[in-house]
């Protein structure tokens, strides 16, 4: 159903506007990562793609995982994970702020979820990893990430676009894992999370830029979980019953989209350079998992970090502009190569 949309964005041109109108209802509710906010489907191209295409004239979209399914609530969704890539020769203008051009091939991960009704997209939840692009432009104004920075890869099995089969066992495994994760620290030490039960010894946890990627339990704990839980030990998935996640699975893959899906309070010594303001925040997280030999082998996680910063009163894009006032934001013209 999304094929015309995907085909048009493989190599993005102005023709993508027409393709989007064929598959996205004009009044569709499009929930976009900060700072874009909520828009209507009719505004999707002009809001997201036109400015990015101006910055990367050879922009392309590379899907690496595409899952579809019906949630337990009876809704039909499609989830996509991949990278936008292109040569960034101009600044990307976002709400009056400008990420400087790199002059090089630049990558930005996306997690995009689309609800389908009567053959049209009527709702979407989309996170683009904007900090990933800021880091490549040497324009990230916040604390350095603890995990590894990399261009997020496709599944090791290279089957993310051809997934089939019933995914109920995969979904049950991941939900059980998340249930045990939330037992710590209220119900005991790290052992109550039973990490070895759920995670493959060599699993990769692909976090968003700002957190980074970790490998294995040691990498996951040191570069993400320990700082996360130290700052927000009260994290709750849905304690009050007012947060909503959409789950669906195929074969060895499962995904979740929540807008938002976690409630937390930033305390102690803070997190990622955010002061411990004792501020309650709501977290948007769009996630994919792949199972192997009965355990989680890969986990792709995108969190709307810019929105979390904003809830704490930190304008990351504004800080970026302050740090980069003296930089040349003009276009980069690459010289023609002459063969000698």
C-alpha atoms as a PDB file:
ATOM      1  CA  UNK A   1       0.000   0.000   0.000  1.00  0.00           C
ATOM      2  CA  UNK A   2       2.898   2.369   0.772  1.00  0.00           C
ATOM      3  CA  UNK A   3       4.836   1.265  -2.322  1.00  0.00           C
ATOM      4  CA  UNK A   4       4.214   4.453  -4.383  1.00  0.00           C
ATOM      5  CA  UNK A   5       5.358   6.528  -1.410  1.00  0.00           C
ATOM      6  CA  UNK A   6       8.472   4.384  -0.913  1.00  0.00           C
ATOM      7  CA  UNK A   7       9.308   4.343  -4.613  1.00  0.00           C
ATOM      8  CA  UNK A   8       9.002   8.127  -4.911  1.00  0.00           C
ATOM      9  CA  UNK A   9      11.323   8.691  -1.946  1.00  0.00           C
ATOM     10  CA  UNK A  10      14.023   6.246  -3.055  1.00  0.00           C
ATOM     11  CA  UNK A  11      15.433   9.200  -4.969  1.00  0.00           C
ATOM     12  CA  UNK A  12      13.560  12.234  -3.690  1.00  0.00           C
ATOM     13  CA  UNK A  13      12.366  14.763  -6.255  1.00  0.00           C
ATOM     14  CA  UNK A  14       9.452  17.167  -6.534  1.00  0.00           C
ATOM     15  CA  UNK A  15       7.447  14.204  -7.880  1.00  0.00           C
ATOM     16  CA  UNK A  16       7.326  12.830  -4.339  1.00  0.00           C
ATOM     17  CA  UNK A  17       4.678  15.437  -3.537  1.00  0.00           C
ATOM     18  CA  UNK A  18       2.207  13.773  -5.904  1.00  0.00           C
ATOM     19  CA  UNK A  19       3.058  10.302  -4.611  1.00  0.00           C
ATOM     20  CA  UNK A  20       2.406  11.390  -1.039  1.00  0.00           C
ATOM     21  CA  UNK A  21      -1.030  12.741  -1.940  1.00  0.00           C
ATOM     22  CA  UNK A  22      -1.962   9.346  -3.416  1.00  0.00           C
ATOM     23  CA  UNK A  23      -1.350   7.421  -0.212  1.00  0.00           C
ATOM     24  CA  UNK A  24      -1.783   9.988   2.607  1.00  0.00           C
ATOM     25  CA  UNK A  25      -5.234  11.337   3.430  1.00  0.00           C
ATOM     26  CA  UNK A  26      -5.245  15.172   3.292  1.00  0.00           C
ATOM     27  CA  UNK A  27      -6.528  15.389   6.867  1.00  0.00           C
ATOM     28  CA  UNK A  28      -4.342  12.577   8.226  1.00  0.00           C
ATOM     29  CA  UNK A  29      -2.915  13.234  11.667  1.00  0.00           C
ATOM     30  CA  UNK A  30       0.861  13.381  11.288  1.00  0.00           C
ATOM     31  CA  UNK A  31       2.731  13.367  14.615  1.00  0.00           C
ATOM     32  CA  UNK A  32       6.285  14.504  13.890  1.00  0.00           C
ATOM     33  CA  UNK A  33       9.386  14.740  16.068  1.00  0.00           C
ATOM     34  CA  UNK A  34      10.339  18.040  17.643  1.00  0.00           C
ATOM     35  CA  UNK A  35      10.264  20.782  16.450  1.00  0.00           C
ATOM     36  CA  UNK A  36       7.791  19.955  13.681  1.00  0.00           C
ATOM     37  CA  UNK A  37       4.843  18.986  15.889  1.00  0.00           C
ATOM     38  CA  UNK A  38       1.412  17.956  14.626  1.00  0.00           C
ATOM     39  CA  UNK A  39       0.521  18.626  10.989  1.00  0.00           C
ATOM     40  CA  UNK A  40      -2.057  17.459   8.462  1.00  0.00           C
ATOM     41  CA  UNK A  41      -1.181  14.945   5.765  1.00  0.00           C
ATOM     42  CA  UNK A  42      -1.525  17.581   3.051  1.00  0.00           C
ATOM     43  CA  UNK A  43       1.412  19.480   4.584  1.00  0.00           C
ATOM     44  CA  UNK A  44       3.827  16.532   4.854  1.00  0.00           C
ATOM     45  CA  UNK A  45       5.949  17.241   1.777  1.00  0.00           C
ATOM     46  CA  UNK A  46       6.364  20.983   2.330  1.00  0.00           C
ATOM     47  CA  UNK A  47       7.043  20.591   6.060  1.00  0.00           C
ATOM     48  CA  UNK A  48       9.526  17.705   5.990  1.00  0.00           C
ATOM     49  CA  UNK A  49      10.841  16.806   2.563  1.00  0.00           C
ATOM     50  CA  UNK A  50      11.154  20.092   0.677  1.00  0.00           C
ATOM     51  CA  UNK A  51      13.588  21.707   3.174  1.00  0.00           C
ATOM     52  CA  UNK A  52      15.663  18.532   3.489  1.00  0.00           C
ATOM     53  CA  UNK A  53      15.769  18.112  -0.291  1.00  0.00           C
ATOM     54  CA  UNK A  54      17.006  21.696  -0.598  1.00  0.00           C
ATOM     55  CA  UNK A  55      19.877  20.825   1.747  1.00  0.00           C
ATOM     56  CA  UNK A  56      20.612  17.487   0.044  1.00  0.00           C
ATOM     57  CA  UNK A  57      19.774  17.758  -3.664  1.00  0.00           C
ATOM     58  CA  UNK A  58      20.579  14.052  -4.195  1.00  0.00           C
ATOM     59  CA  UNK A  59      18.462  12.960  -1.208  1.00  0.00           C
ATOM     60  CA  UNK A  60      17.411   9.320  -1.057  1.00  0.00           C
ATOM     61  CA  UNK A  61      15.467   7.161   1.374  1.00  0.00           C
ATOM     62  CA  UNK A  62      16.761   3.658   2.171  1.00  0.00           C
ATOM     63  CA  UNK A  63      14.345   1.316   3.931  1.00  0.00           C
ATOM     64  CA  UNK A  64      16.026  -1.452   5.922  1.00  0.00           C
ATOM     65  CA  UNK A  65      13.049  -2.833   7.861  1.00  0.00           C
ATOM     66  CA  UNK A  66       9.404  -2.712   6.806  1.00  0.00           C
ATOM     67  CA  UNK A  67       6.855  -4.479   8.989  1.00  0.00           C
ATOM     68  CA  UNK A  68       3.075  -4.533   8.729  1.00  0.00           C
ATOM     69  CA  UNK A  69       0.419  -5.973  10.943  1.00  0.00           C
ATOM     70  CA  UNK A  70      -2.722  -5.545  12.978  1.00  0.00           C
ATOM     71  CA  UNK A  71      -2.387  -4.417  16.576  1.00  0.00           C
ATOM     72  CA  UNK A  72      -4.238  -6.148  19.421  1.00  0.00           C
ATOM     73  CA  UNK A  73      -6.679  -3.217  19.252  1.00  0.00           C
ATOM     74  CA  UNK A  74      -7.489  -4.035  15.622  1.00  0.00           C
ATOM     75  CA  UNK A  75      -5.606  -1.198  13.915  1.00  0.00           C
ATOM     76  CA  UNK A  76      -3.529  -1.794  10.761  1.00  0.00           C
ATOM     77  CA  UNK A  77      -0.039  -0.250  10.842  1.00  0.00           C
ATOM     78  CA  UNK A  78       3.142  -0.264   8.767  1.00  0.00           C
ATOM     79  CA  UNK A  79       6.498   0.464  10.428  1.00  0.00           C
ATOM     80  CA  UNK A  80       9.623   1.511   8.501  1.00  0.00           C
ATOM     81  CA  UNK A  81      13.235   1.888   9.629  1.00  0.00           C
ATOM     82  CA  UNK A  82      16.032   3.178   7.453  1.00  0.00           C
ATOM     83  CA  UNK A  83      18.394   6.040   6.631  1.00  0.00           C
ATOM     84  CA  UNK A  84      17.941   9.242   4.664  1.00  0.00           C
ATOM     85  CA  UNK A  85      21.191   9.902   2.829  1.00  0.00           C
ATOM     86  CA  UNK A  86      22.545  12.581   0.540  1.00  0.00           C
ATOM     87  CA  UNK A  87      25.327  15.084  -0.051  1.00  0.00           C
ATOM     88  CA  UNK A  88      24.569  17.980   2.274  1.00  0.00           C
ATOM     89  CA  UNK A  89      25.671  20.992   0.252  1.00  0.00           C
ATOM     90  CA  UNK A  90      23.359  23.547   1.883  1.00  0.00           C
ATOM     91  CA  UNK A  91      22.231  24.261   5.414  1.00  0.00           C
ATOM     92  CA  UNK A  92      19.068  22.460   6.523  1.00  0.00           C
ATOM     93  CA  UNK A  93      16.678  25.140   7.758  1.00  0.00           C
ATOM     94  CA  UNK A  94      14.391  24.009  10.587  1.00  0.00           C
ATOM     95  CA  UNK A  95      12.041  26.573  12.123  1.00  0.00           C
ATOM     96  CA  UNK A  96      14.496  29.412  11.567  1.00  0.00           C
ATOM     97  CA  UNK A  97      17.560  27.471  12.703  1.00  0.00           C
ATOM     98  CA  UNK A  98      20.180  26.118  10.324  1.00  0.00           C
ATOM     99  CA  UNK A  99      22.212  22.927  10.563  1.00  0.00           C
ATOM    100  CA  UNK A 100      25.444  23.738   8.678  1.00  0.00           C
ATOM    101  CA  UNK A 101      26.247  21.881   5.453  1.00  0.00           C
ATOM    102  CA  UNK A 102      28.843  19.118   5.562  1.00  0.00           C
ATOM    103  CA  UNK A 103      29.806  18.922   1.893  1.00  0.00           C
ATOM    104  CA  UNK A 104      29.843  15.134   2.297  1.00  0.00           C
ATOM    105  CA  UNK A 105      27.497  12.163   2.165  1.00  0.00           C
ATOM    106  CA  UNK A 106      25.363  12.566   5.274  1.00  0.00           C
ATOM    107  CA  UNK A 107      23.015  10.084   6.951  1.00  0.00           C
ATOM    108  CA  UNK A 108      20.001  10.402   9.246  1.00  0.00           C
ATOM    109  CA  UNK A 109      18.030   7.458  10.619  1.00  0.00           C
ATOM    110  CA  UNK A 110      14.234   7.467  10.547  1.00  0.00           C
ATOM    111  CA  UNK A 111      11.553   5.409  12.246  1.00  0.00           C
ATOM    112  CA  UNK A 112       8.202   6.024  10.564  1.00  0.00           C
ATOM    113  CA  UNK A 113       4.889   4.376  11.434  1.00  0.00           C
ATOM    114  CA  UNK A 114       1.749   4.683   9.330  1.00  0.00           C
ATOM    115  CA  UNK A 115      -1.800   3.685  10.242  1.00  0.00           C
ATOM    116  CA  UNK A 116      -3.777   2.431   7.255  1.00  0.00           C
ATOM    117  CA  UNK A 117      -7.538   2.765   6.865  1.00  0.00           C
ATOM    118  CA  UNK A 118      -9.475   2.089   3.646  1.00  0.00           C
ATOM    119  CA  UNK A 119      -6.272   2.120   1.613  1.00  0.00           C
ATOM    120  CA  UNK A 120      -4.988   5.479   2.889  1.00  0.00           C
ATOM    121  CA  UNK A 121      -2.635   6.664   5.614  1.00  0.00           C
ATOM    122  CA  UNK A 122      -4.805   8.328   8.248  1.00  0.00           C
ATOM    123  CA  UNK A 123      -2.209   8.664  10.995  1.00  0.00           C
ATOM    124  CA  UNK A 124       1.574   8.686  11.247  1.00  0.00           C
ATOM    125  CA  UNK A 125       4.172   8.849  14.000  1.00  0.00           C
ATOM    126  CA  UNK A 126       7.603   9.869  12.740  1.00  0.00           C
ATOM    127  CA  UNK A 127      10.970  10.422  14.394  1.00  0.00           C
ATOM    128  CA  UNK A 128      13.956  11.600  12.379  1.00  0.00           C
ATOM    129  CA  UNK A 129      17.310  11.453  14.185  1.00  0.00           C
ATOM    130  CA  UNK A 130      18.085  15.136  13.780  1.00  0.00           C
ATOM    131  CA  UNK A 131      20.917  15.058  16.370  1.00  0.00           C
ATOM    132  CA  UNK A 132      22.673  12.471  14.156  1.00  0.00           C
ATOM    133  CA  UNK A 133      22.870  15.012  11.360  1.00  0.00           C
ATOM    134  CA  UNK A 134      23.911  17.800  13.744  1.00  0.00           C
ATOM    135  CA  UNK A 135      26.828  15.672  14.955  1.00  0.00           C
ATOM    136  CA  UNK A 136      28.083  15.094  11.416  1.00  0.00           C
ATOM    137  CA  UNK A 137      27.961  18.850  10.884  1.00  0.00           C
ATOM    138  CA  UNK A 138      29.978  19.363  14.110  1.00  0.00           C
ATOM    139  CA  UNK A 139      27.049  21.386  15.413  1.00  0.00           C
ATOM    140  CA  UNK A 140      25.767  19.300  18.358  1.00  0.00           C
ATOM    141  CA  UNK A 141      25.564  21.741  21.308  1.00  0.00           C
ATOM    142  CA  UNK A 142      24.773  19.264  24.084  1.00  0.00           C
ATOM    143  CA  UNK A 143      26.802  16.706  26.056  1.00  0.00           C
ATOM    144  CA  UNK A 144      28.840  14.108  24.111  1.00  0.00           C
ATOM    145  CA  UNK A 145      27.123  10.744  23.793  1.00  0.00           C
ATOM    146  CA  UNK A 146      28.420   7.751  25.730  1.00  0.00           C
ATOM    147  CA  UNK A 147      27.647   5.099  23.113  1.00  0.00           C
ATOM    148  CA  UNK A 148      29.247   4.642  19.713  1.00  0.00           C
ATOM    149  CA  UNK A 149      28.310   6.939  16.827  1.00  0.00           C
ATOM    150  CA  UNK A 150      27.701   5.123  13.540  1.00  0.00           C
ATOM    151  CA  UNK A 151      25.488   4.957  10.482  1.00  0.00           C
ATOM    152  CA  UNK A 152      22.871   2.505  11.721  1.00  0.00           C
ATOM    153  CA  UNK A 153      23.047  -0.773   9.794  1.00  0.00           C
ATOM    154  CA  UNK A 154      20.370  -3.047   8.414  1.00  0.00           C
ATOM    155  CA  UNK A 155      19.622  -6.360  10.176  1.00  0.00           C
ATOM    156  CA  UNK A 156      22.510  -8.833  10.144  1.00  0.00           C
ATOM    157  CA  UNK A 157      20.213 -11.316   8.393  1.00  0.00           C
ATOM    158  CA  UNK A 158      19.434  -8.825   5.576  1.00  0.00           C
ATOM    159  CA  UNK A 159      15.780  -9.886   5.631  1.00  0.00           C
ATOM    160  CA  UNK A 160      14.190  -6.739   7.006  1.00  0.00           C
ATOM    161  CA  UNK A 161      12.247  -6.105   3.776  1.00  0.00           C
ATOM    162  CA  UNK A 162      10.987  -9.672   3.320  1.00  0.00           C
ATOM    163  CA  UNK A 163       9.719 -10.590   6.784  1.00  0.00           C
ATOM    164  CA  UNK A 164       6.867 -13.103   6.938  1.00  0.00           C
ATOM    165  CA  UNK A 165       5.255 -15.375   9.473  1.00  0.00           C
ATOM    166  CA  UNK A 166       3.443 -15.107  12.760  1.00  0.00           C
ATOM    167  CA  UNK A 167       5.243 -12.894  15.254  1.00  0.00           C
ATOM    168  CA  UNK A 168       3.262 -13.570  18.417  1.00  0.00           C
ATOM    169  CA  UNK A 169       6.112 -15.409  20.170  1.00  0.00           C
ATOM    170  CA  UNK A 170       8.484 -12.546  19.357  1.00  0.00           C
ATOM    171  CA  UNK A 171       6.036  -9.991  20.720  1.00  0.00           C
ATOM    172  CA  UNK A 172       5.456 -12.012  23.888  1.00  0.00           C
ATOM    173  CA  UNK A 173       9.213 -12.271  24.488  1.00  0.00           C
ATOM    174  CA  UNK A 174       9.848  -8.535  24.099  1.00  0.00           C
ATOM    175  CA  UNK A 175       6.877  -7.502  26.236  1.00  0.00           C
ATOM    176  CA  UNK A 176       8.009  -9.909  28.978  1.00  0.00           C
ATOM    177  CA  UNK A 177      11.494  -8.368  28.748  1.00  0.00           C
ATOM    178  CA  UNK A 178      10.124  -4.850  29.150  1.00  0.00           C
ATOM    179  CA  UNK A 179       7.996  -5.965  32.088  1.00  0.00           C
ATOM    180  CA  UNK A 180      11.063  -7.318  33.876  1.00  0.00           C
ATOM    181  CA  UNK A 181      13.116  -4.224  33.024  1.00  0.00           C
ATOM    182  CA  UNK A 182      10.633  -2.088  34.936  1.00  0.00           C
ATOM    183  CA  UNK A 183      11.068  -4.173  38.114  1.00  0.00           C
ATOM    184  CA  UNK A 184      14.395  -2.437  38.774  1.00  0.00           C
ATOM    185  CA  UNK A 185      15.072  -0.497  40.943  1.00  0.00           C
ATOM    186  CA  UNK A 186      11.761  -0.570  42.824  1.00  0.00           C
ATOM    187  CA  UNK A 187      11.745  -4.374  43.248  1.00  0.00           C
ATOM    188  CA  UNK A 188      15.445  -5.099  43.572  1.00  0.00           C
ATOM    189  CA  UNK A 189      18.880  -4.776  42.016  1.00  0.00           C
ATOM    190  CA  UNK A 190      19.835  -5.244  38.355  1.00  0.00           C
ATOM    191  CA  UNK A 191      19.382  -9.010  38.684  1.00  0.00           C
ATOM    192  CA  UNK A 192      15.570  -8.652  38.759  1.00  0.00           C
ATOM    193  CA  UNK A 193      15.660  -7.475  35.127  1.00  0.00           C
ATOM    194  CA  UNK A 194      16.842 -10.951  34.019  1.00  0.00           C
ATOM    195  CA  UNK A 195      18.819  -9.471  31.124  1.00  0.00           C
ATOM    196  CA  UNK A 196      20.577 -12.741  30.275  1.00  0.00           C
ATOM    197  CA  UNK A 197      17.185 -14.433  29.846  1.00  0.00           C
ATOM    198  CA  UNK A 198      16.043 -12.078  27.117  1.00  0.00           C
ATOM    199  CA  UNK A 199      19.129 -10.702  25.348  1.00  0.00           C
ATOM    200  CA  UNK A 200      21.586 -12.512  23.079  1.00  0.00           C
ATOM    201  CA  UNK A 201      25.185 -12.373  24.414  1.00  0.00           C
ATOM    202  CA  UNK A 202      26.241 -10.401  21.312  1.00  0.00           C
ATOM    203  CA  UNK A 203      23.214  -8.187  20.877  1.00  0.00           C
ATOM    204  CA  UNK A 204      23.476  -4.704  19.385  1.00  0.00           C
ATOM    205  CA  UNK A 205      21.398  -1.880  20.863  1.00  0.00           C
ATOM    206  CA  UNK A 206      21.177   0.893  18.278  1.00  0.00           C
ATOM    207  CA  UNK A 207      20.239   4.004  20.260  1.00  0.00           C
ATOM    208  CA  UNK A 208      19.583   7.480  18.893  1.00  0.00           C
ATOM    209  CA  UNK A 209      22.360  10.010  18.440  1.00  0.00           C
ATOM    210  CA  UNK A 210      22.845  11.629  21.812  1.00  0.00           C
ATOM    211  CA  UNK A 211      22.861   8.186  23.468  1.00  0.00           C
ATOM    212  CA  UNK A 212      24.627   6.049  20.876  1.00  0.00           C
ATOM    213  CA  UNK A 213      25.025   2.331  20.215  1.00  0.00           C
ATOM    214  CA  UNK A 214      26.068  -0.359  22.696  1.00  0.00           C
ATOM    215  CA  UNK A 215      26.960  -4.034  22.276  1.00  0.00           C
ATOM    216  CA  UNK A 216      26.064  -6.780  24.704  1.00  0.00           C
ATOM    217  CA  UNK A 217      24.817  -6.354  28.249  1.00  0.00           C
ATOM    218  CA  UNK A 218      27.969  -4.450  29.281  1.00  0.00           C
ATOM    219  CA  UNK A 219      27.608  -1.957  26.426  1.00  0.00           C
ATOM    220  CA  UNK A 220      23.857  -1.571  26.972  1.00  0.00           C
ATOM    221  CA  UNK A 221      24.234  -1.062  30.727  1.00  0.00           C
ATOM    222  CA  UNK A 222      27.250   1.268  30.692  1.00  0.00           C
ATOM    223  CA  UNK A 223      26.433   3.462  27.719  1.00  0.00           C
ATOM    224  CA  UNK A 224      22.672   3.740  28.171  1.00  0.00           C
ATOM    225  CA  UNK A 225      20.804   2.000  30.960  1.00  0.00           C
ATOM    226  CA  UNK A 226      22.826   2.930  34.046  1.00  0.00           C
ATOM    227  CA  UNK A 227      22.873   6.708  33.290  1.00  0.00           C
ATOM    228  CA  UNK A 228      19.211   6.522  32.213  1.00  0.00           C
ATOM    229  CA  UNK A 229      18.027   4.793  35.386  1.00  0.00           C
ATOM    230  CA  UNK A 230      20.232   6.869  37.664  1.00  0.00           C
ATOM    231  CA  UNK A 231      18.518   9.983  36.335  1.00  0.00           C
ATOM    232  CA  UNK A 232      14.993   8.559  35.997  1.00  0.00           C
ATOM    233  CA  UNK A 233      14.512   5.586  38.346  1.00  0.00           C
ATOM    234  CA  UNK A 234      10.736   6.106  38.401  1.00  0.00           C
ATOM    235  CA  UNK A 235      10.256   5.438  34.669  1.00  0.00           C
ATOM    236  CA  UNK A 236       6.831   3.947  33.978  1.00  0.00           C
ATOM    237  CA  UNK A 237       5.461   2.415  30.793  1.00  0.00           C
ATOM    238  CA  UNK A 238       1.775   3.053  31.470  1.00  0.00           C
ATOM    239  CA  UNK A 239       1.146   3.234  35.207  1.00  0.00           C
ATOM    240  CA  UNK A 240      -1.784   5.641  34.855  1.00  0.00           C
ATOM    241  CA  UNK A 241      -3.322   3.967  31.826  1.00  0.00           C
ATOM    242  CA  UNK A 242      -3.199   7.111  29.691  1.00  0.00           C
ATOM    243  CA  UNK A 243      -0.177   6.294  27.505  1.00  0.00           C
ATOM    244  CA  UNK A 244      -0.716   4.306  24.327  1.00  0.00           C
ATOM    245  CA  UNK A 245       1.593   1.986  22.391  1.00  0.00           C
ATOM    246  CA  UNK A 246       0.813   0.184  19.149  1.00  0.00           C
ATOM    247  CA  UNK A 247       2.408  -3.283  18.839  1.00  0.00           C
ATOM    248  CA  UNK A 248       2.624  -5.580  15.825  1.00  0.00           C
ATOM    249  CA  UNK A 249       4.998  -8.351  14.814  1.00  0.00           C
ATOM    250  CA  UNK A 250       6.069 -10.547  11.913  1.00  0.00           C
ATOM    251  CA  UNK A 251       8.306 -13.584  12.185  1.00  0.00           C
ATOM    252  CA  UNK A 252      11.400 -12.755  14.236  1.00  0.00           C
ATOM    253  CA  UNK A 253      10.603  -9.026  14.285  1.00  0.00           C
ATOM    254  CA  UNK A 254       8.372  -6.874  16.466  1.00  0.00           C
ATOM    255  CA  UNK A 255       7.912  -3.123  16.653  1.00  0.00           C
ATOM    256  CA  UNK A 256       6.247  -0.591  18.914  1.00  0.00           C
ATOM    257  CA  UNK A 257       5.137   2.954  18.330  1.00  0.00           C
ATOM    258  CA  UNK A 258       4.130   5.177  21.216  1.00  0.00           C
ATOM    259  CA  UNK A 259       3.312   8.890  21.208  1.00  0.00           C
ATOM    260  CA  UNK A 260       4.218   9.066  24.072  1.00  0.00           C
ATOM    261  CA  UNK A 261       4.732   5.705  25.764  1.00  0.00           C
ATOM    262  CA  UNK A 262       6.770   6.375  28.913  1.00  0.00           C
ATOM    263  CA  UNK A 263       6.491   8.725  31.913  1.00  0.00           C
ATOM    264  CA  UNK A 264       9.647   9.747  33.818  1.00  0.00           C
ATOM    265  CA  UNK A 265      11.002  12.321  36.267  1.00  0.00           C
ATOM    266  CA  UNK A 266      14.535  13.664  35.781  1.00  0.00           C
ATOM    267  CA  UNK A 267      16.219  13.611  39.205  1.00  0.00           C
ATOM    268  CA  UNK A 268      19.591  12.971  40.892  1.00  0.00           C
ATOM    269  CA  UNK A 269      22.446  14.349  38.757  1.00  0.00           C
ATOM    270  CA  UNK A 270      20.397  14.638  35.552  1.00  0.00           C
ATOM    271  CA  UNK A 271      20.843  12.971  32.188  1.00  0.00           C
ATOM    272  CA  UNK A 272      22.808  13.837  29.017  1.00  0.00           C
ATOM    273  CA  UNK A 273      23.629  17.297  30.309  1.00  0.00           C
ATOM    274  CA  UNK A 274      20.038  17.991  31.394  1.00  0.00           C
ATOM    275  CA  UNK A 275      19.956  19.433  34.898  1.00  0.00           C
ATOM    276  CA  UNK A 276      18.056  17.433  37.549  1.00  0.00           C
ATOM    277  CA  UNK A 277      15.031  19.717  37.460  1.00  0.00           C
ATOM    278  CA  UNK A 278      12.663  17.162  39.062  1.00  0.00           C
ATOM    279  CA  UNK A 279      10.593  17.646  35.952  1.00  0.00           C
ATOM    280  CA  UNK A 280       8.164  14.981  34.779  1.00  0.00           C
ATOM    281  CA  UNK A 281       8.570  14.260  31.076  1.00  0.00           C
ATOM    282  CA  UNK A 282       6.800  12.057  28.557  1.00  0.00           C
ATOM    283  CA  UNK A 283       9.002  10.061  26.209  1.00  0.00           C
ATOM    284  CA  UNK A 284       8.268   9.247  22.575  1.00  0.00           C
ATOM    285  CA  UNK A 285      10.034   6.064  21.508  1.00  0.00           C
ATOM    286  CA  UNK A 286       9.638   4.136  18.232  1.00  0.00           C
ATOM    287  CA  UNK A 287      11.363   0.749  18.398  1.00  0.00           C
ATOM    288  CA  UNK A 288      12.164  -2.395  16.391  1.00  0.00           C
ATOM    289  CA  UNK A 289      13.512  -5.712  17.726  1.00  0.00           C
ATOM    290  CA  UNK A 290      14.871  -8.808  15.959  1.00  0.00           C
ATOM    291  CA  UNK A 291      15.066 -12.209  17.648  1.00  0.00           C
ATOM    292  CA  UNK A 292      17.648 -14.927  16.997  1.00  0.00           C
ATOM    293  CA  UNK A 293      17.936 -18.316  18.734  1.00  0.00           C
ATOM    294  CA  UNK A 294      15.171 -17.351  21.130  1.00  0.00           C
ATOM    295  CA  UNK A 295      16.757 -14.076  22.285  1.00  0.00           C
ATOM    296  CA  UNK A 296      16.925 -10.450  21.176  1.00  0.00           C
ATOM    297  CA  UNK A 297      19.860 -10.031  18.785  1.00  0.00           C
ATOM    298  CA  UNK A 298      19.259  -6.475  17.558  1.00  0.00           C
ATOM    299  CA  UNK A 299      17.213  -3.551  18.851  1.00  0.00           C
ATOM    300  CA  UNK A 300      16.734  -0.289  16.943  1.00  0.00           C
ATOM    301  CA  UNK A 301      15.544   2.536  19.210  1.00  0.00           C
ATOM    302  CA  UNK A 302      14.690   6.102  18.278  1.00  0.00           C
ATOM    303  CA  UNK A 303      13.713   8.537  21.006  1.00  0.00           C
ATOM    304  CA  UNK A 304      12.588  12.092  20.326  1.00  0.00           C
ATOM    305  CA  UNK A 305      15.442  13.582  22.338  1.00  0.00           C
ATOM    306  CA  UNK A 306      14.872  17.139  21.127  1.00  0.00           C
ATOM    307  CA  UNK A 307      11.326  16.967  22.504  1.00  0.00           C
ATOM    308  CA  UNK A 308      12.599  15.664  25.851  1.00  0.00           C
ATOM    309  CA  UNK A 309      15.082  18.537  26.065  1.00  0.00           C
ATOM    310  CA  UNK A 310      12.276  20.972  25.198  1.00  0.00           C
ATOM    311  CA  UNK A 311      10.101  19.653  28.024  1.00  0.00           C
ATOM    312  CA  UNK A 312      12.951  20.562  30.384  1.00  0.00           C
ATOM    313  CA  UNK A 313      13.196  24.076  28.966  1.00  0.00           C
ATOM    314  CA  UNK A 314      16.259  23.434  26.780  1.00  0.00           C
ATOM    315  CA  UNK A 315      16.019  24.657  23.173  1.00  0.00           C
ATOM    316  CA  UNK A 316      18.674  22.506  21.479  1.00  0.00           C
ATOM    317  CA  UNK A 317      18.235  24.100  18.049  1.00  0.00           C
ATOM    318  CA  UNK A 318      18.468  27.547  19.636  1.00  0.00           C
ATOM    319  CA  UNK A 319      21.680  26.567  21.437  1.00  0.00           C
ATOM    320  CA  UNK A 320      23.038  25.214  18.148  1.00  0.00           C
ATOM    321  CA  UNK A 321      22.409  28.571  16.491  1.00  0.00           C
ATOM    322  CA  UNK A 322      24.211  30.385  19.302  1.00  0.00           C
ATOM    323  CA  UNK A 323      27.240  28.108  19.015  1.00  0.00           C
ATOM    324  CA  UNK A 324      27.422  28.448  15.248  1.00  0.00           C
ATOM    325  CA  UNK A 325      26.870  32.170  14.689  1.00  0.00           C
ATOM    326  CA  UNK A 326      30.375  32.587  13.280  1.00  0.00           C
ATOM    327  CA  UNK A 327      30.168  29.680  10.843  1.00  0.00           C
ATOM    328  CA  UNK A 328      29.619  30.113   7.145  1.00  0.00           C
ATOM    329  CA  UNK A 329      26.199  28.658   6.425  1.00  0.00           C
ATOM    330  CA  UNK A 330      26.401  29.307   2.685  1.00  0.00           C
ATOM    331  CA  UNK A 331      26.196  26.530   0.091  1.00  0.00           C
ATOM    332  CA  UNK A 332      29.183  24.318  -0.588  1.00  0.00           C
ATOM    333  CA  UNK A 333      30.078  24.012  -4.260  1.00  0.00           C
ATOM    334  CA  UNK A 334      32.129  20.928  -4.940  1.00  0.00           C
ATOM    335  CA  UNK A 335      34.649  21.481  -7.766  1.00  0.00           C
ATOM    336  CA  UNK A 336      34.358  19.424 -10.909  1.00  0.00           C
ATOM    337  CA  UNK A 337      36.949  16.673 -11.082  1.00  0.00           C
ATOM    338  CA  UNK A 338      39.341  16.664 -14.003  1.00  0.00           C
ATOM    339  CA  UNK A 339      41.037  13.478 -15.087  1.00  0.00           C
ATOM    340  CA  UNK A 340      44.725  13.937 -15.790  1.00  0.00           C
END
